[in-house]
Amino acid sequence: MAEEHTMVRYSELSDEQKKELLFTDEERRQLDEAQDMPIVYDEDSPAVTPEMALRFYRANSGRRVIG
């Protein structure tokens, strides 16, 4: 049987549960290193060209865009 997931407020979590949500020192180090790495595009994830960008559309087009 599949495990059921429900939304829980952060304020309702125990201190132990909150602690489990924190990044470890190693995870934090990896995130910091990844932030400084350049984005590498390849055939599986190519850079978006202007022609490709024209095919995108806003999911919430009723929202005003500033700029």
N, C-alpha and C. Protein backbone atom coordinates (compact mmCIF):
# COMPACT_ATOMS: atom_id res chain seq x y z
N MET A 1 0.84 -1.18 0.00
CA MET A 1 0.00 0.00 0.00
C MET A 1 0.89 1.24 0.00
N ALA A 2 0.52 2.24 -0.77
CA ALA A 2 1.30 3.47 -0.87
C ALA A 2 1.21 4.27 0.42
N GLU A 3 2.32 4.91 0.74
CA GLU A 3 2.35 5.75 1.94
C GLU A 3 1.59 7.05 1.67
N GLU A 4 0.74 7.43 2.60
CA GLU A 4 -0.05 8.64 2.43
C GLU A 4 0.70 9.84 2.98
N HIS A 5 0.72 10.93 2.23
CA HIS A 5 1.40 12.15 2.65
C HIS A 5 0.37 13.25 2.85
N THR A 6 0.49 13.96 3.95
CA THR A 6 -0.39 15.08 4.20
C THR A 6 0.44 16.30 4.54
N MET A 7 -0.13 17.46 4.32
CA MET A 7 0.54 18.72 4.64
C MET A 7 0.50 18.94 6.15
N VAL A 8 1.61 19.42 6.70
CA VAL A 8 1.70 19.67 8.13
C VAL A 8 2.30 21.06 8.32
N ARG A 9 1.77 21.79 9.25
CA ARG A 9 2.34 23.11 9.56
C ARG A 9 3.67 22.92 10.27
N TYR A 10 4.64 23.75 9.93
CA TYR A 10 5.96 23.69 10.55
C TYR A 10 5.83 23.85 12.06
N SER A 11 4.95 24.73 12.49
CA SER A 11 4.78 24.99 13.92
C SER A 11 4.24 23.77 14.68
N GLU A 12 3.68 22.80 13.96
CA GLU A 12 3.14 21.60 14.60
C GLU A 12 4.16 20.47 14.69
N LEU A 13 5.35 20.66 14.12
CA LEU A 13 6.38 19.63 14.16
C LEU A 13 7.10 19.64 15.51
N SER A 14 7.57 18.47 15.90
CA SER A 14 8.37 18.38 17.13
C SER A 14 9.75 18.95 16.85
N ASP A 15 10.49 19.24 17.90
CA ASP A 15 11.85 19.76 17.72
C ASP A 15 12.71 18.77 16.96
N GLU A 16 12.52 17.48 17.21
CA GLU A 16 13.28 16.45 16.51
C GLU A 16 12.95 16.45 15.02
N GLN A 17 11.69 16.59 14.67
CA GLN A 17 11.29 16.64 13.27
C GLN A 17 11.85 17.88 12.57
N LYS A 18 11.84 19.00 13.26
CA LYS A 18 12.40 20.23 12.69
C LYS A 18 13.89 20.07 12.43
N LYS A 19 14.59 19.39 13.36
CA LYS A 19 16.02 19.18 13.22
C LYS A 19 16.33 18.33 11.99
N GLU A 20 15.47 17.35 11.69
CA GLU A 20 15.65 16.48 10.53
C GLU A 20 15.53 17.25 9.21
N LEU A 21 14.87 18.38 9.23
CA LEU A 21 14.69 19.17 8.02
C LEU A 21 15.91 20.01 7.67
N LEU A 22 16.81 20.20 8.63
CA LEU A 22 17.99 21.04 8.41
C LEU A 22 19.01 20.31 7.55
N PHE A 23 19.76 21.09 6.74
CA PHE A 23 20.84 20.51 5.95
C PHE A 23 21.99 20.14 6.87
N THR A 24 22.66 19.05 6.55
CA THR A 24 23.87 18.70 7.30
C THR A 24 24.99 19.64 6.84
N ASP A 25 26.10 19.66 7.57
CA ASP A 25 27.23 20.49 7.18
C ASP A 25 27.73 20.11 5.79
N GLU A 26 27.75 18.80 5.50
CA GLU A 26 28.20 18.32 4.18
C GLU A 26 27.24 18.77 3.08
N GLU A 27 25.93 18.66 3.32
CA GLU A 27 24.95 19.10 2.32
C GLU A 27 25.07 20.60 2.08
N ARG A 28 25.28 21.37 3.14
CA ARG A 28 25.42 22.82 3.03
C ARG A 28 26.66 23.17 2.20
N ARG A 29 27.76 22.44 2.45
CA ARG A 29 29.00 22.65 1.71
C ARG A 29 28.77 22.35 0.22
N GLN A 30 28.07 21.26 -0.07
CA GLN A 30 27.80 20.90 -1.45
C GLN A 30 26.93 21.96 -2.14
N LEU A 31 25.94 22.48 -1.44
CA LEU A 31 25.11 23.54 -2.00
C LEU A 31 25.91 24.80 -2.28
N ASP A 32 26.79 25.16 -1.34
CA ASP A 32 27.62 26.34 -1.53
C ASP A 32 28.55 26.17 -2.73
N GLU A 33 29.12 24.98 -2.89
CA GLU A 33 30.00 24.72 -4.04
C GLU A 33 29.20 24.77 -5.34
N ALA A 34 28.02 24.17 -5.36
CA ALA A 34 27.20 24.13 -6.57
C ALA A 34 26.77 25.54 -6.99
N GLN A 35 26.56 26.41 -6.02
CA GLN A 35 26.12 27.77 -6.33
C GLN A 35 27.19 28.52 -7.15
N ASP A 36 28.45 28.19 -6.93
CA ASP A 36 29.54 28.86 -7.63
C ASP A 36 29.90 28.21 -8.95
N MET A 37 29.30 27.06 -9.26
CA MET A 37 29.62 26.35 -10.50
C MET A 37 28.82 26.94 -11.67
N PRO A 38 29.43 26.95 -12.86
CA PRO A 38 28.70 27.46 -14.03
C PRO A 38 27.61 26.47 -14.47
N ILE A 39 26.62 26.99 -15.16
CA ILE A 39 25.57 26.14 -15.73
C ILE A 39 26.14 25.51 -16.99
N VAL A 40 25.99 24.20 -17.13
CA VAL A 40 26.52 23.49 -18.28
C VAL A 40 25.33 22.96 -19.08
N TYR A 41 25.25 23.37 -20.33
CA TYR A 41 24.18 22.92 -21.22
C TYR A 41 24.69 21.76 -22.06
N ASP A 42 23.80 20.80 -22.36
CA ASP A 42 24.15 19.69 -23.24
C ASP A 42 22.92 19.33 -24.06
N GLU A 43 22.98 18.19 -24.78
CA GLU A 43 21.85 17.84 -25.65
C GLU A 43 20.59 17.49 -24.85
N ASP A 44 20.76 17.05 -23.62
CA ASP A 44 19.60 16.74 -22.78
C ASP A 44 18.96 17.98 -22.16
N SER A 45 19.75 19.03 -21.97
CA SER A 45 19.22 20.27 -21.41
C SER A 45 19.91 21.45 -22.10
N PRO A 46 19.45 21.75 -23.31
CA PRO A 46 20.08 22.83 -24.07
C PRO A 46 19.69 24.21 -23.55
N ALA A 47 20.50 25.20 -23.89
CA ALA A 47 20.17 26.58 -23.55
C ALA A 47 18.92 26.99 -24.34
N VAL A 48 18.12 27.84 -23.77
CA VAL A 48 16.90 28.30 -24.44
C VAL A 48 17.26 29.40 -25.42
N THR A 49 16.93 29.17 -26.69
CA THR A 49 17.18 30.17 -27.73
C THR A 49 15.99 31.12 -27.79
N PRO A 50 16.16 32.28 -28.42
CA PRO A 50 15.01 33.20 -28.55
C PRO A 50 13.81 32.53 -29.25
N GLU A 51 14.09 31.67 -30.23
CA GLU A 51 13.01 30.97 -30.92
C GLU A 51 12.26 30.03 -29.98
N MET A 52 13.01 29.34 -29.12
CA MET A 52 12.37 28.45 -28.15
C MET A 52 11.58 29.25 -27.14
N ALA A 53 12.10 30.37 -26.72
CA ALA A 53 11.44 31.20 -25.72
C ALA A 53 10.08 31.69 -26.21
N LEU A 54 9.94 31.92 -27.51
CA LEU A 54 8.66 32.38 -28.07
C LEU A 54 7.56 31.34 -27.89
N ARG A 55 7.93 30.07 -27.76
CA ARG A 55 6.94 29.01 -27.60
C ARG A 55 6.45 28.85 -26.16
N PHE A 56 7.12 29.52 -25.23
CA PHE A 56 6.68 29.47 -23.84
C PHE A 56 5.52 30.44 -23.63
N TYR A 57 4.68 30.16 -22.66
CA TYR A 57 3.60 31.07 -22.33
C TYR A 57 3.47 31.13 -20.81
N ARG A 58 2.96 32.24 -20.33
CA ARG A 58 2.79 32.40 -18.89
C ARG A 58 1.66 31.51 -18.41
N ALA A 59 1.90 30.84 -17.30
CA ALA A 59 0.88 29.97 -16.73
C ALA A 59 -0.25 30.80 -16.13
N ASN A 60 0.08 31.96 -15.59
CA ASN A 60 -0.94 32.83 -15.01
C ASN A 60 -0.93 34.15 -15.78
N SER A 61 -1.44 34.12 -16.98
CA SER A 61 -1.36 35.27 -17.88
C SER A 61 -2.16 36.47 -17.40
N GLY A 62 -3.04 36.31 -16.43
CA GLY A 62 -3.80 37.44 -15.92
C GLY A 62 -2.98 38.33 -14.99
N ARG A 63 -1.81 37.90 -14.65
CA ARG A 63 -0.96 38.64 -13.73
C ARG A 63 -0.14 39.67 -14.50
N ARG A 64 -0.04 40.88 -13.93
CA ARG A 64 0.72 41.95 -14.58
C ARG A 64 2.20 41.69 -14.41
N VAL A 65 2.95 41.96 -15.47
CA VAL A 65 4.40 41.83 -15.44
C VAL A 65 4.98 43.24 -15.50
N ILE A 66 5.82 43.55 -14.55
CA ILE A 66 6.44 44.89 -14.52
C ILE A 66 7.76 44.82 -15.24
N GLY A 67 7.98 45.75 -16.17
CA GLY A 67 9.26 45.81 -16.88
C GLY A 67 9.08 45.34 -18.23
